[in-house]
Amino acid sequence: MTNYEITYIISPALDEAAKNDLVERFDNILKNDGAEVVDSKDWSKRRFAYEIGGFTEGVYHIVNIKAENADAINEFDRLAKINDGILRHMIVKRKED
């Protein structure tokens, strides 16, 4: 199993219910493609150093997962790029503990 950390910034234009739906949807995308979601939590709402998509702040969300292959990661990456609720995302392969 390979450990990954996904950090994504959620648009501040979404209300709390829409934000929770988006997080649940993307957690399920990872689970349905064979990844094990170890941890999924909001980090904090932060101000950006520069404007992103017309916004000056956003909610950072962190997901730690374990996956046998990159199928779940690739699907998450593909869908995050076309979702208006996610302003930016970053996927990092974590070093084994």
PDB file of N, CA and C in Angstrom:
ATOM      1  N   MET A   1       0.841  -1.188   0.000  1.00  0.00           N
ATOM      2  CA  MET A   1       0.000   0.000   0.000  1.00  0.00           C
ATOM      3  C   MET A   1       0.881   1.245   0.000  1.00  0.00           C
ATOM      4  N   THR A   2       0.466   2.208  -0.783  1.00  0.00           N
ATOM      5  CA  THR A   2       1.162   3.491  -0.858  1.00  0.00           C
ATOM      6  C   THR A   2       0.329   4.544  -0.150  1.00  0.00           C
ATOM      7  N   ASN A   3       0.985   5.385   0.628  1.00  0.00           N
ATOM      8  CA  ASN A   3       0.308   6.463   1.341  1.00  0.00           C
ATOM      9  C   ASN A   3       0.341   7.735   0.506  1.00  0.00           C
ATOM     10  N   TYR A   4      -0.801   8.410   0.448  1.00  0.00           N
ATOM     11  CA  TYR A   4      -0.897   9.679  -0.265  1.00  0.00           C
ATOM     12  C   TYR A   4      -1.563  10.709   0.644  1.00  0.00           C
ATOM     13  N   GLU A   5      -1.215  11.972   0.405  1.00  0.00           N
ATOM     14  CA  GLU A   5      -1.898  13.071   1.072  1.00  0.00           C
ATOM     15  C   GLU A   5      -2.427  13.996  -0.010  1.00  0.00           C
ATOM     16  N   ILE A   6      -3.716  14.283   0.051  1.00  0.00           N
ATOM     17  CA  ILE A   6      -4.358  15.180  -0.906  1.00  0.00           C
ATOM     18  C   ILE A   6      -4.805  16.419  -0.140  1.00  0.00           C
ATOM     19  N   THR A   7      -4.369  17.571  -0.613  1.00  0.00           N
ATOM     20  CA  THR A   7      -4.819  18.836  -0.043  1.00  0.00           C
ATOM     21  C   THR A   7      -5.566  19.572  -1.136  1.00  0.00           C
ATOM     22  N   TYR A   8      -6.768  20.026  -0.826  1.00  0.00           N
ATOM     23  CA  TYR A   8      -7.492  20.816  -1.805  1.00  0.00           C
ATOM     24  C   TYR A   8      -8.158  22.007  -1.141  1.00  0.00           C
ATOM     25  N   ILE A   9      -8.352  23.054  -1.951  1.00  0.00           N
ATOM     26  CA  ILE A   9      -8.952  24.299  -1.470  1.00  0.00           C
ATOM     27  C   ILE A   9     -10.368  24.382  -1.999  1.00  0.00           C
ATOM     28  N   ILE A  10     -11.313  24.492  -1.070  1.00  0.00           N
ATOM     29  CA  ILE A  10     -12.727  24.554  -1.411  1.00  0.00           C
ATOM     30  C   ILE A  10     -13.148  26.015  -1.523  1.00  0.00           C
ATOM     31  N   SER A  11     -13.920  26.315  -2.546  1.00  0.00           N
ATOM     32  CA  SER A  11     -14.405  27.674  -2.789  1.00  0.00           C
ATOM     33  C   SER A  11     -15.208  28.196  -1.592  1.00  0.00           C
ATOM     34  N   PRO A  12     -14.955  29.442  -1.178  1.00  0.00           N
ATOM     35  CA  PRO A  12     -15.729  30.023  -0.075  1.00  0.00           C
ATOM     36  C   PRO A  12     -17.164  30.382  -0.494  1.00  0.00           C
ATOM     37  N   ALA A  13     -17.479  30.302  -1.782  1.00  0.00           N
ATOM     38  CA  ALA A  13     -18.829  30.595  -2.268  1.00  0.00           C
ATOM     39  C   ALA A  13     -19.822  29.494  -1.891  1.00  0.00           C
ATOM     40  N   LEU A  14     -19.317  28.308  -1.544  1.00  0.00           N
ATOM     41  CA  LEU A  14     -20.192  27.193  -1.180  1.00  0.00           C
ATOM     42  C   LEU A  14     -20.657  27.348   0.261  1.00  0.00           C
ATOM     43  N   ASP A  15     -21.946  27.073   0.495  1.00  0.00           N
ATOM     44  CA  ASP A  15     -22.427  27.077   1.881  1.00  0.00           C
ATOM     45  C   ASP A  15     -21.979  25.780   2.568  1.00  0.00           C
ATOM     46  N   GLU A  16     -22.238  25.673   3.853  1.00  0.00           N
ATOM     47  CA  GLU A  16     -21.750  24.533   4.640  1.00  0.00           C
ATOM     48  C   GLU A  16     -22.279  23.194   4.117  1.00  0.00           C
ATOM     49  N   ALA A  17     -23.544  23.136   3.752  1.00  0.00           N
ATOM     50  CA  ALA A  17     -24.126  21.890   3.248  1.00  0.00           C
ATOM     51  C   ALA A  17     -23.493  21.485   1.916  1.00  0.00           C
ATOM     52  N   ALA A  18     -23.300  22.447   1.020  1.00  0.00           N
ATOM     53  CA  ALA A  18     -22.681  22.156  -0.280  1.00  0.00           C
ATOM     54  C   ALA A  18     -21.225  21.726  -0.098  1.00  0.00           C
ATOM     55  N   LYS A  19     -20.525  22.347   0.839  1.00  0.00           N
ATOM     56  CA  LYS A  19     -19.131  21.986   1.121  1.00  0.00           C
ATOM     57  C   LYS A  19     -19.056  20.552   1.631  1.00  0.00           C
ATOM     58  N   ASN A  20     -19.959  20.203   2.560  1.00  0.00           N
ATOM     59  CA  ASN A  20     -19.980  18.841   3.095  1.00  0.00           C
ATOM     60  C   ASN A  20     -20.316  17.820   2.015  1.00  0.00           C
ATOM     61  N   ASP A  21     -21.227  18.158   1.108  1.00  0.00           N
ATOM     62  CA  ASP A  21     -21.564  17.269  -0.010  1.00  0.00           C
ATOM     63  C   ASP A  21     -20.363  17.065  -0.927  1.00  0.00           C
ATOM     64  N   LEU A  22     -19.627  18.137  -1.189  1.00  0.00           N
ATOM     65  CA  LEU A  22     -18.448  18.051  -2.051  1.00  0.00           C
ATOM     66  C   LEU A  22     -17.385  17.156  -1.414  1.00  0.00           C
ATOM     67  N   VAL A  23     -17.129  17.337  -0.134  1.00  0.00           N
ATOM     68  CA  VAL A  23     -16.136  16.519   0.576  1.00  0.00           C
ATOM     69  C   VAL A  23     -16.561  15.049   0.561  1.00  0.00           C
ATOM     70  N   GLU A  24     -17.827  14.789   0.845  1.00  0.00           N
ATOM     71  CA  GLU A  24     -18.327  13.413   0.849  1.00  0.00           C
ATOM     72  C   GLU A  24     -18.229  12.787  -0.545  1.00  0.00           C
ATOM     73  N   ARG A  25     -18.562  13.567  -1.564  1.00  0.00           N
ATOM     74  CA  ARG A  25     -18.496  13.064  -2.943  1.00  0.00           C
ATOM     75  C   ARG A  25     -17.069  12.665  -3.312  1.00  0.00           C
ATOM     76  N   PHE A  26     -16.091  13.519  -2.986  1.00  0.00           N
ATOM     77  CA  PHE A  26     -14.711  13.210  -3.347  1.00  0.00           C
ATOM     78  C   PHE A  26     -14.110  12.107  -2.474  1.00  0.00           C
ATOM     79  N   ASP A  27     -14.533  11.991  -1.215  1.00  0.00           N
ATOM     80  CA  ASP A  27     -14.114  10.852  -0.393  1.00  0.00           C
ATOM     81  C   ASP A  27     -14.642   9.552  -0.989  1.00  0.00           C
ATOM     82  N   ASN A  28     -15.899   9.577  -1.453  1.00  0.00           N
ATOM     83  CA  ASN A  28     -16.493   8.381  -2.059  1.00  0.00           C
ATOM     84  C   ASN A  28     -15.839   8.022  -3.388  1.00  0.00           C
ATOM     85  N   ILE A  29     -15.407   9.013  -4.149  1.00  0.00           N
ATOM     86  CA  ILE A  29     -14.684   8.742  -5.396  1.00  0.00           C
ATOM     87  C   ILE A  29     -13.426   7.938  -5.088  1.00  0.00           C
ATOM     88  N   LEU A  30     -12.715   8.352  -4.048  1.00  0.00           N
ATOM     89  CA  LEU A  30     -11.499   7.632  -3.659  1.00  0.00           C
ATOM     90  C   LEU A  30     -11.825   6.215  -3.194  1.00  0.00           C
ATOM     91  N   LYS A  31     -12.842   6.073  -2.354  1.00  0.00           N
ATOM     92  CA  LYS A  31     -13.217   4.747  -1.828  1.00  0.00           C
ATOM     93  C   LYS A  31     -13.693   3.821  -2.935  1.00  0.00           C
ATOM     94  N   ASN A  32     -14.493   4.346  -3.861  1.00  0.00           N
ATOM     95  CA  ASN A  32     -15.053   3.519  -4.932  1.00  0.00           C
ATOM     96  C   ASN A  32     -13.993   3.024  -5.908  1.00  0.00           C
ATOM     97  N   ASP A  33     -12.870   3.730  -5.982  1.00  0.00           N
ATOM     98  CA  ASP A  33     -11.789   3.299  -6.870  1.00  0.00           C
ATOM     99  C   ASP A  33     -10.706   2.518  -6.129  1.00  0.00           C
ATOM    100  N   GLY A  34     -11.022   2.043  -4.923  1.00  0.00           N
ATOM    101  CA  GLY A  34     -10.135   1.114  -4.232  1.00  0.00           C
ATOM    102  C   GLY A  34      -9.209   1.694  -3.184  1.00  0.00           C
ATOM    103  N   ALA A  35      -9.303   2.977  -2.894  1.00  0.00           N
ATOM    104  CA  ALA A  35      -8.432   3.570  -1.876  1.00  0.00           C
ATOM    105  C   ALA A  35      -9.098   3.478  -0.504  1.00  0.00           C
ATOM    106  N   GLU A  36      -8.270   3.456   0.521  1.00  0.00           N
ATOM    107  CA  GLU A  36      -8.761   3.482   1.904  1.00  0.00           C
ATOM    108  C   GLU A  36      -8.539   4.882   2.453  1.00  0.00           C
ATOM    109  N   VAL A  37      -9.614   5.578   2.795  1.00  0.00           N
ATOM    110  CA  VAL A  37      -9.509   6.927   3.353  1.00  0.00           C
ATOM    111  C   VAL A  37      -9.185   6.789   4.835  1.00  0.00           C
ATOM    112  N   VAL A  38      -7.964   7.190   5.209  1.00  0.00           N
ATOM    113  CA  VAL A  38      -7.516   7.101   6.594  1.00  0.00           C
ATOM    114  C   VAL A  38      -8.049   8.282   7.395  1.00  0.00           C
ATOM    115  N   ASP A  39      -8.010   9.464   6.795  1.00  0.00           N
ATOM    116  CA  ASP A  39      -8.390  10.682   7.497  1.00  0.00           C
ATOM    117  C   ASP A  39      -8.867  11.706   6.470  1.00  0.00           C
ATOM    118  N   SER A  40      -9.948  12.406   6.772  1.00  0.00           N
ATOM    119  CA  SER A  40     -10.461  13.448   5.899  1.00  0.00           C
ATOM    120  C   SER A  40     -10.992  14.569   6.781  1.00  0.00           C
ATOM    121  N   LYS A  41     -10.306  15.714   6.773  1.00  0.00           N
ATOM    122  CA  LYS A  41     -10.711  16.785   7.682  1.00  0.00           C
ATOM    123  C   LYS A  41     -10.404  18.164   7.109  1.00  0.00           C
ATOM    124  N   ASP A  42     -11.201  19.138   7.558  1.00  0.00           N
ATOM    125  CA  ASP A  42     -10.921  20.529   7.211  1.00  0.00           C
ATOM    126  C   ASP A  42      -9.713  20.983   8.004  1.00  0.00           C
ATOM    127  N   TRP A  43      -8.845  21.734   7.344  1.00  0.00           N
ATOM    128  CA  TRP A  43      -7.686  22.282   8.028  1.00  0.00           C
ATOM    129  C   TRP A  43      -8.079  23.632   8.608  1.00  0.00           C
ATOM    130  N   SER A  44      -8.358  24.583   7.743  1.00  0.00           N
ATOM    131  CA  SER A  44      -8.843  25.890   8.197  1.00  0.00           C
ATOM    132  C   SER A  44      -9.200  26.745   6.989  1.00  0.00           C
ATOM    133  N   LYS A  45      -9.884  27.846   7.251  1.00  0.00           N
ATOM    134  CA  LYS A  45     -10.152  28.829   6.207  1.00  0.00           C
ATOM    135  C   LYS A  45      -8.978  29.797   6.230  1.00  0.00           C
ATOM    136  N   ARG A  46      -8.335  29.987   5.078  1.00  0.00           N
ATOM    137  CA  ARG A  46      -7.137  30.824   5.017  1.00  0.00           C
ATOM    138  C   ARG A  46      -7.217  31.839   3.892  1.00  0.00           C
ATOM    139  N   ARG A  47      -6.530  32.923   4.130  1.00  0.00           N
ATOM    140  CA  ARG A  47      -6.413  33.975   3.133  1.00  0.00           C
ATOM    141  C   ARG A  47      -5.276  33.607   2.172  1.00  0.00           C
ATOM    142  N   PHE A  48      -5.493  33.847   0.867  1.00  0.00           N
ATOM    143  CA  PHE A  48      -4.494  33.535  -0.146  1.00  0.00           C
ATOM    144  C   PHE A  48      -3.472  34.656  -0.272  1.00  0.00           C
ATOM    145  N   ALA A  49      -2.295  34.315  -0.744  1.00  0.00           N
ATOM    146  CA  ALA A  49      -1.273  35.317  -1.033  1.00  0.00           C
ATOM    147  C   ALA A  49      -1.647  36.097  -2.298  1.00  0.00           C
ATOM    148  N   TYR A  50      -2.408  35.451  -3.173  1.00  0.00           N
ATOM    149  CA  TYR A  50      -2.877  36.095  -4.403  1.00  0.00           C
ATOM    150  C   TYR A  50      -4.274  35.555  -4.706  1.00  0.00           C
ATOM    151  N   GLU A  51      -4.993  36.257  -5.528  1.00  0.00           N
ATOM    152  CA  GLU A  51      -6.364  35.891  -5.863  1.00  0.00           C
ATOM    153  C   GLU A  51      -6.391  34.622  -6.717  1.00  0.00           C
ATOM    154  N   ILE A  52      -7.294  33.722  -6.381  1.00  0.00           N
ATOM    155  CA  ILE A  52      -7.487  32.487  -7.151  1.00  0.00           C
ATOM    156  C   ILE A  52      -8.948  32.428  -7.569  1.00  0.00           C
ATOM    157  N   GLY A  53      -9.196  32.475  -8.850  1.00  0.00           N
ATOM    158  CA  GLY A  53     -10.558  32.380  -9.375  1.00  0.00           C
ATOM    159  C   GLY A  53     -11.489  33.465  -8.851  1.00  0.00           C
ATOM    160  N   GLY A  54     -10.944  34.628  -8.556  1.00  0.00           N
ATOM    161  CA  GLY A  54     -11.751  35.734  -8.053  1.00  0.00           C
ATOM    162  C   GLY A  54     -11.944  35.727  -6.542  1.00  0.00           C
ATOM    163  N   PHE A  55     -11.344  34.755  -5.848  1.00  0.00           N
ATOM    164  CA  PHE A  55     -11.482  34.656  -4.389  1.00  0.00           C
ATOM    165  C   PHE A  55     -10.159  34.995  -3.700  1.00  0.00           C
ATOM    166  N   THR A  56     -10.260  35.552  -2.492  1.00  0.00           N
ATOM    167  CA  THR A  56      -9.060  35.889  -1.718  1.00  0.00           C
ATOM    168  C   THR A  56      -8.861  34.948  -0.537  1.00  0.00           C
ATOM    169  N   GLU A  57      -9.802  34.004  -0.323  1.00  0.00           N
ATOM    170  CA  GLU A  57      -9.654  33.014   0.739  1.00  0.00           C
ATOM    171  C   GLU A  57     -10.391  31.744   0.359  1.00  0.00           C
ATOM    172  N   GLY A  58     -10.086  30.657   1.068  1.00  0.00           N
ATOM    173  CA  GLY A  58     -10.734  29.385   0.807  1.00  0.00           C
ATOM    174  C   GLY A  58     -10.543  28.437   1.976  1.00  0.00           C
ATOM    175  N   VAL A  59     -11.301  27.355   1.972  1.00  0.00           N
ATOM    176  CA  VAL A  59     -11.219  26.350   3.026  1.00  0.00           C
ATOM    177  C   VAL A  59     -10.284  25.233   2.560  1.00  0.00           C
ATOM    178  N   TYR A  60      -9.219  25.006   3.322  1.00  0.00           N
ATOM    179  CA  TYR A  60      -8.277  23.938   3.014  1.00  0.00           C
ATOM    180  C   TYR A  60      -8.787  22.635   3.616  1.00  0.00           C
ATOM    181  N   HIS A  61      -8.757  21.574   2.824  1.00  0.00           N
ATOM    182  CA  HIS A  61      -9.207  20.252   3.282  1.00  0.00           C
ATOM    183  C   HIS A  61      -8.088  19.248   2.995  1.00  0.00           C
ATOM    184  N   ILE A  62      -7.808  18.379   3.963  1.00  0.00           N
ATOM    185  CA  ILE A  62      -6.725  17.395   3.825  1.00  0.00           C
ATOM    186  C   ILE A  62      -7.298  15.991   3.923  1.00  0.00           C
ATOM    187  N   VAL A  63      -6.867  15.125   2.990  1.00  0.00           N
ATOM    188  CA  VAL A  63      -7.285  13.720   2.987  1.00  0.00           C
ATOM    189  C   VAL A  63      -6.033  12.850   2.941  1.00  0.00           C
ATOM    190  N   ASN A  64      -5.913  11.933   3.888  1.00  0.00           N
ATOM    191  CA  ASN A  64      -4.836  10.946   3.871  1.00  0.00           C
ATOM    192  C   ASN A  64      -5.437   9.620   3.429  1.00  0.00           C
ATOM    193  N   ILE A  65      -4.804   8.991   2.449  1.00  0.00           N
ATOM    194  CA  ILE A  65      -5.333   7.723   1.938  1.00  0.00           C
ATOM    195  C   ILE A  65      -4.220   6.704   1.766  1.00  0.00           C
ATOM    196  N   LYS A  66      -4.644   5.443   1.653  1.00  0.00           N
ATOM    197  CA  LYS A  66      -3.752   4.343   1.287  1.00  0.00           C
ATOM    198  C   LYS A  66      -4.352   3.699   0.048  1.00  0.00           C
ATOM    199  N   ALA A  67      -3.495   3.416  -0.927  1.00  0.00           N
ATOM    200  CA  ALA A  67      -3.994   2.825  -2.169  1.00  0.00           C
ATOM    201  C   ALA A  67      -2.992   1.832  -2.732  1.00  0.00           C
ATOM    202  N   GLU A  68      -3.507   0.767  -3.322  1.00  0.00           N
ATOM    203  CA  GLU A  68      -2.664  -0.250  -3.969  1.00  0.00           C
ATOM    204  C   GLU A  68      -2.103   0.272  -5.288  1.00  0.00           C
ATOM    205  N   ASN A  69      -2.942   0.988  -6.037  1.00  0.00           N
ATOM    206  CA  ASN A  69      -2.509   1.526  -7.325  1.00  0.00           C
ATOM    207  C   ASN A  69      -3.005   2.968  -7.440  1.00  0.00           C
ATOM    208  N   ALA A  70      -2.706   3.605  -8.544  1.00  0.00           N
ATOM    209  CA  ALA A  70      -3.011   5.028  -8.703  1.00  0.00           C
ATOM    210  C   ALA A  70      -4.388   5.297  -9.318  1.00  0.00           C
ATOM    211  N   ASP A  71      -5.236   4.297  -9.469  1.00  0.00           N
ATOM    212  CA  ASP A  71      -6.545   4.496 -10.090  1.00  0.00           C
ATOM    213  C   ASP A  71      -7.379   5.547  -9.358  1.00  0.00           C
ATOM    214  N   ALA A  72      -7.452   5.439  -8.037  1.00  0.00           N
ATOM    215  CA  ALA A  72      -8.245   6.386  -7.247  1.00  0.00           C
ATOM    216  C   ALA A  72      -7.658   7.793  -7.335  1.00  0.00           C
ATOM    217  N   ILE A  73      -6.344   7.887  -7.290  1.00  0.00           N
ATOM    218  CA  ILE A  73      -5.665   9.181  -7.372  1.00  0.00           C
ATOM    219  C   ILE A  73      -5.919   9.832  -8.729  1.00  0.00           C
ATOM    220  N   ASN A  74      -5.801   9.054  -9.781  1.00  0.00           N
ATOM    221  CA  ASN A  74      -6.014   9.585 -11.128  1.00  0.00           C
ATOM    222  C   ASN A  74      -7.446  10.078 -11.328  1.00  0.00           C
ATOM    223  N   GLU A  75      -8.415   9.329 -10.801  1.00  0.00           N
ATOM    224  CA  GLU A  75      -9.822   9.730 -10.935  1.00  0.00           C
ATOM    225  C   GLU A  75     -10.094  10.991 -10.113  1.00  0.00           C
ATOM    226  N   PHE A  76      -9.545  11.056  -8.895  1.00  0.00           N
ATOM    227  CA  PHE A  76      -9.699  12.259  -8.070  1.00  0.00           C
ATOM    228  C   PHE A  76      -9.121  13.468  -8.803  1.00  0.00           C
ATOM    229  N   ASP A  77      -7.913  13.321  -9.336  1.00  0.00           N
ATOM    230  CA  ASP A  77      -7.235  14.407 -10.044  1.00  0.00           C
ATOM    231  C   ASP A  77      -8.066  14.880 -11.236  1.00  0.00           C
ATOM    232  N   ARG A  78      -8.581  13.942 -12.022  1.00  0.00           N
ATOM    233  CA  ARG A  78      -9.375  14.274 -13.212  1.00  0.00           C
ATOM    234  C   ARG A  78     -10.630  15.061 -12.837  1.00  0.00           C
ATOM    235  N   LEU A  79     -11.342  14.590 -11.819  1.00  0.00           N
ATOM    236  CA  LEU A  79     -12.597  15.241 -11.438  1.00  0.00           C
ATOM    237  C   LEU A  79     -12.378  16.558 -10.694  1.00  0.00           C
ATOM    238  N   ALA A  80     -11.300  16.657  -9.933  1.00  0.00           N
ATOM    239  CA  ALA A  80     -11.010  17.904  -9.204  1.00  0.00           C
ATOM    240  C   ALA A  80     -10.688  19.039 -10.172  1.00  0.00           C
ATOM    241  N   LYS A  81     -10.085  18.696 -11.308  1.00  0.00           N
ATOM    242  CA  LYS A  81      -9.730  19.715 -12.301  1.00  0.00           C
ATOM    243  C   LYS A  81     -10.965  20.352 -12.947  1.00  0.00           C
ATOM    244  N   ILE A  82     -12.066  19.615 -13.005  1.00  0.00           N
ATOM    245  CA  ILE A  82     -13.254  20.139 -13.686  1.00  0.00           C
ATOM    246  C   ILE A  82     -14.365  20.549 -12.724  1.00  0.00           C
ATOM    247  N   ASN A  83     -14.118  20.464 -11.419  1.00  0.00           N
ATOM    248  CA  ASN A  83     -15.127  20.837 -10.430  1.00  0.00           C
ATOM    249  C   ASN A  83     -14.934  22.288 -10.009  1.00  0.00           C
ATOM    250  N   ASP A  84     -15.986  23.092 -10.123  1.00  0.00           N
ATOM    251  CA  ASP A  84     -15.897  24.516  -9.768  1.00  0.00           C
ATOM    252  C   ASP A  84     -15.751  24.747  -8.272  1.00  0.00           C
ATOM    253  N   GLY A  85     -16.121  23.772  -7.451  1.00  0.00           N
ATOM    254  CA  GLY A  85     -16.028  23.912  -5.999  1.00  0.00           C
ATOM    255  C   GLY A  85     -14.616  23.774  -5.458  1.00  0.00           C
ATOM    256  N   ILE A  86     -13.720  23.187  -6.265  1.00  0.00           N
ATOM    257  CA  ILE A  86     -12.325  23.026  -5.850  1.00  0.00           C
ATOM    258  C   ILE A  86     -11.475  24.011  -6.644  1.00  0.00           C
ATOM    259  N   LEU A  87     -10.860  24.942  -5.923  1.00  0.00           N
ATOM    260  CA  LEU A  87     -10.053  25.980  -6.581  1.00  0.00           C
ATOM    261  C   LEU A  87      -8.676  25.458  -6.972  1.00  0.00           C
ATOM    262  N   ARG A  88      -8.044  24.695  -6.084  1.00  0.00           N
ATOM    263  CA  ARG A  88      -6.728  24.106  -6.337  1.00  0.00           C
ATOM    264  C   ARG A  88      -6.650  22.781  -5.585  1.00  0.00           C
ATOM    265  N   HIS A  89      -5.810  21.883  -6.073  1.00  0.00           N
ATOM    266  CA  HIS A  89      -5.550  20.649  -5.333  1.00  0.00           C
ATOM    267  C   HIS A  89      -4.113  20.209  -5.555  1.00  0.00           C
ATOM    268  N   MET A  90      -3.614  19.438  -4.594  1.00  0.00           N
ATOM    269  CA  MET A  90      -2.252  18.933  -4.668  1.00  0.00           C
ATOM    270  C   MET A  90      -2.244  17.518  -4.098  1.00  0.00           C
ATOM    271  N   ILE A  91      -1.606  16.603  -4.820  1.00  0.00           N
ATOM    272  CA  ILE A  91      -1.510  15.210  -4.390  1.00  0.00           C
ATOM    273  C   ILE A  91      -0.043  14.900  -4.151  1.00  0.00           C
ATOM    274  N   VAL A  92       0.253  14.383  -2.961  1.00  0.00           N
ATOM    275  CA  VAL A  92       1.638  14.093  -2.589  1.00  0.00           C
ATOM    276  C   VAL A  92       1.738  12.625  -2.183  1.00  0.00           C
ATOM    277  N   LYS A  93       2.731  11.941  -2.717  1.00  0.00           N
ATOM    278  CA  LYS A  93       3.010  10.563  -2.296  1.00  0.00           C
ATOM    279  C   LYS A  93       3.861  10.667  -1.048  1.00  0.00           C
ATOM    280  N   ARG A  94       3.372  10.095   0.045  1.00  0.00           N
ATOM    281  CA  ARG A  94       4.063  10.213   1.328  1.00  0.00           C
ATOM    282  C   ARG A  94       5.096   9.125   1.500  1.00  0.00           C
ATOM    283  N   LYS A  95       6.155   9.475   2.165  1.00  0.00           N
ATOM    284  CA  LYS A  95       7.208   8.526   2.482  1.00  0.00           C
ATOM    285  C   LYS A  95       6.676   7.523   3.496  1.00  0.00           C
ATOM    286  N   GLU A  96       7.069   6.277   3.337  1.00  0.00           N
ATOM    287  CA  GLU A  96       6.634   5.238   4.275  1.00  0.00           C
ATOM    288  C   GLU A  96       7.202   5.531   5.648  1.00  0.00           C
ATOM    289  N   ASP A  97       6.377   5.307   6.685  1.00  0.00           N
ATOM    290  CA  ASP A  97       6.825   5.555   8.070  1.00  0.00           C
ATOM    291  C   ASP A  97       7.777   4.499   8.558  1.00  0.00           C
TER     292      ASP A  97
END
